[in-house]
Amino acid sequence: MMPRRPKSEQSGSEGEEAAQLGTPEQEELRRDIQTYKDLETLALSAGGKILITSWRRDVVSAVDRLARGYRKLSHVELIALCAELEAKLDQLRALSRSGENKRFAEEALAEALAE
């Protein structure tokens, strides 16, 4: 990777490219925004809605099994059930919060660009 020259030494398109890229923080925010857009698109699609519904059922089922069986389940079974619950909740959150996360990232990028 070549070191960057100061903006004052960059020529035409090189300087414009550097200005477009921004800081590493801004680039990370742009990548995050794109990821959230992709997740939001999935969440709003028919397939995404099916996934969300299925994961909600899975979460309710895991909570039900936990509530009914916590006295009888072994330590390992409890850990496995909690791990399953955590995984389903993470998947559910990733899709259901994607629009909100995208808006937060866009606001953060706007603030970073204003500095």
Protein backbone atom coordinates (compact mmCIF):
# COMPACT_ATOMS: atom_id res chain seq x y z
CA MET A 1 0.00 0.00 0.00
CA MET A 2 1.36 3.39 -0.99
CA PRO A 3 1.48 6.17 1.59
CA ARG A 4 -0.88 9.05 0.96
CA ARG A 5 0.47 12.42 -0.01
CA PRO A 6 -0.95 15.51 1.68
CA LYS A 7 -4.02 16.94 -0.09
CA SER A 8 -2.04 19.99 -1.14
CA GLU A 9 0.33 17.74 -3.14
CA GLN A 10 -2.37 15.57 -4.73
CA SER A 11 -3.41 16.20 -8.26
CA GLY A 12 -6.97 16.48 -9.63
CA SER A 13 -8.70 13.13 -9.36
CA GLU A 14 -6.36 11.93 -6.62
CA GLY A 15 -7.37 14.81 -4.35
CA GLU A 16 -11.05 14.33 -5.17
CA GLU A 17 -10.74 10.61 -4.42
CA ALA A 18 -9.16 11.30 -1.03
CA ALA A 19 -11.88 13.83 -0.20
CA GLN A 20 -14.54 11.32 -1.21
CA LEU A 21 -13.05 8.56 0.94
CA GLY A 22 -12.73 10.62 4.09
CA THR A 23 -11.32 9.40 7.36
CA PRO A 24 -11.20 5.73 8.36
CA GLU A 25 -14.11 6.43 10.74
CA GLN A 26 -16.19 7.87 7.89
CA GLU A 27 -15.40 4.90 5.67
CA GLU A 28 -16.40 2.50 8.42
CA LEU A 29 -19.67 4.38 8.86
CA ARG A 30 -20.32 4.18 5.10
CA ARG A 31 -19.74 0.41 5.16
CA ASP A 32 -22.03 0.08 8.20
CA ILE A 33 -24.75 2.08 6.44
CA GLN A 34 -24.54 -0.21 3.41
CA THR A 35 -24.76 -3.28 5.65
CA TYR A 36 -27.80 -1.86 7.45
CA LYS A 37 -29.42 -1.00 4.09
CA ASP A 38 -28.92 -4.58 2.92
CA LEU A 39 -30.36 -5.96 6.16
CA GLU A 40 -33.30 -3.55 5.98
CA THR A 41 -34.01 -4.63 2.40
CA LEU A 42 -34.02 -8.25 3.53
CA ALA A 43 -36.22 -7.46 6.54
CA LEU A 44 -38.80 -5.76 4.32
CA SER A 45 -38.86 -8.58 1.75
CA ALA A 46 -41.28 -11.49 1.90
CA GLY A 47 -38.45 -13.86 2.82
CA GLY A 48 -37.24 -11.54 5.55
CA LYS A 49 -40.69 -11.34 7.06
CA ILE A 50 -40.86 -15.14 7.08
CA LEU A 51 -37.48 -15.30 8.83
CA ILE A 52 -38.53 -12.72 11.44
CA THR A 53 -41.76 -14.58 12.16
CA SER A 54 -39.91 -17.89 12.43
CA TRP A 55 -37.22 -16.48 14.72
CA ARG A 56 -39.87 -14.90 16.97
CA ARG A 57 -41.54 -18.28 17.32
CA ASP A 58 -38.18 -19.87 18.08
CA VAL A 59 -37.48 -17.28 20.79
CA VAL A 60 -40.90 -17.80 22.40
CA SER A 61 -40.38 -21.57 22.26
CA ALA A 62 -36.93 -21.36 23.86
CA VAL A 63 -38.22 -19.07 26.63
CA ASP A 64 -41.11 -21.47 27.20
CA ARG A 65 -38.75 -24.47 27.45
CA LEU A 66 -36.52 -22.48 29.81
CA ALA A 67 -39.44 -21.45 32.03
CA ARG A 68 -40.91 -24.96 32.13
CA GLY A 69 -37.72 -26.93 32.53
CA TYR A 70 -35.23 -24.85 34.47
CA ARG A 71 -35.64 -27.04 37.58
CA LYS A 72 -35.15 -30.33 35.74
CA LEU A 73 -32.57 -29.35 33.11
CA SER A 74 -28.90 -30.02 33.70
CA HIS A 75 -26.38 -27.20 33.76
CA VAL A 76 -25.22 -28.10 30.24
CA GLU A 77 -28.81 -28.20 28.93
CA LEU A 78 -29.50 -24.78 30.44
CA ILE A 79 -26.38 -23.34 28.84
CA ALA A 80 -27.31 -24.86 25.46
CA LEU A 81 -30.83 -23.48 25.69
CA CYS A 82 -29.56 -20.02 26.63
CA ALA A 83 -27.05 -20.12 23.76
CA GLU A 84 -29.85 -21.02 21.33
CA LEU A 85 -31.97 -18.20 22.70
CA GLU A 86 -29.11 -15.72 22.37
CA ALA A 87 -28.41 -16.75 18.76
CA LYS A 88 -32.06 -16.39 17.74
CA LEU A 89 -32.36 -13.03 19.50
CA ASP A 90 -29.20 -11.78 17.77
CA GLN A 91 -30.58 -12.79 14.37
CA LEU A 92 -33.93 -11.23 15.12
CA ARG A 93 -32.35 -7.98 16.31
CA ALA A 94 -30.09 -7.75 13.27
CA LEU A 95 -33.08 -7.66 10.93
CA SER A 96 -35.66 -5.89 13.04
CA ARG A 97 -33.35 -3.06 14.11
CA SER A 98 -31.60 -2.56 10.76
CA GLY A 99 -33.62 0.53 9.78
CA GLU A 100 -33.00 2.22 13.11
CA ASN A 101 -29.30 1.30 13.05
CA LYS A 102 -29.03 2.71 9.51
CA ARG A 103 -30.52 6.03 10.63
CA PHE A 104 -28.10 6.24 13.59
CA ALA A 105 -25.13 5.50 11.33
CA GLU A 106 -26.29 8.11 8.81
CA GLU A 107 -26.57 10.69 11.59
CA ALA A 108 -23.11 9.78 12.87
CA LEU A 109 -21.68 10.08 9.35
CA ALA A 110 -23.32 13.48 8.87
CA GLU A 111 -21.75 14.65 12.15
CA ALA A 112 -18.35 13.25 11.15
CA LEU A 113 -18.52 14.99 7.77
CA ALA A 114 -19.49 18.28 9.43
CA GLU A 115 -16.32 18.27 11.56
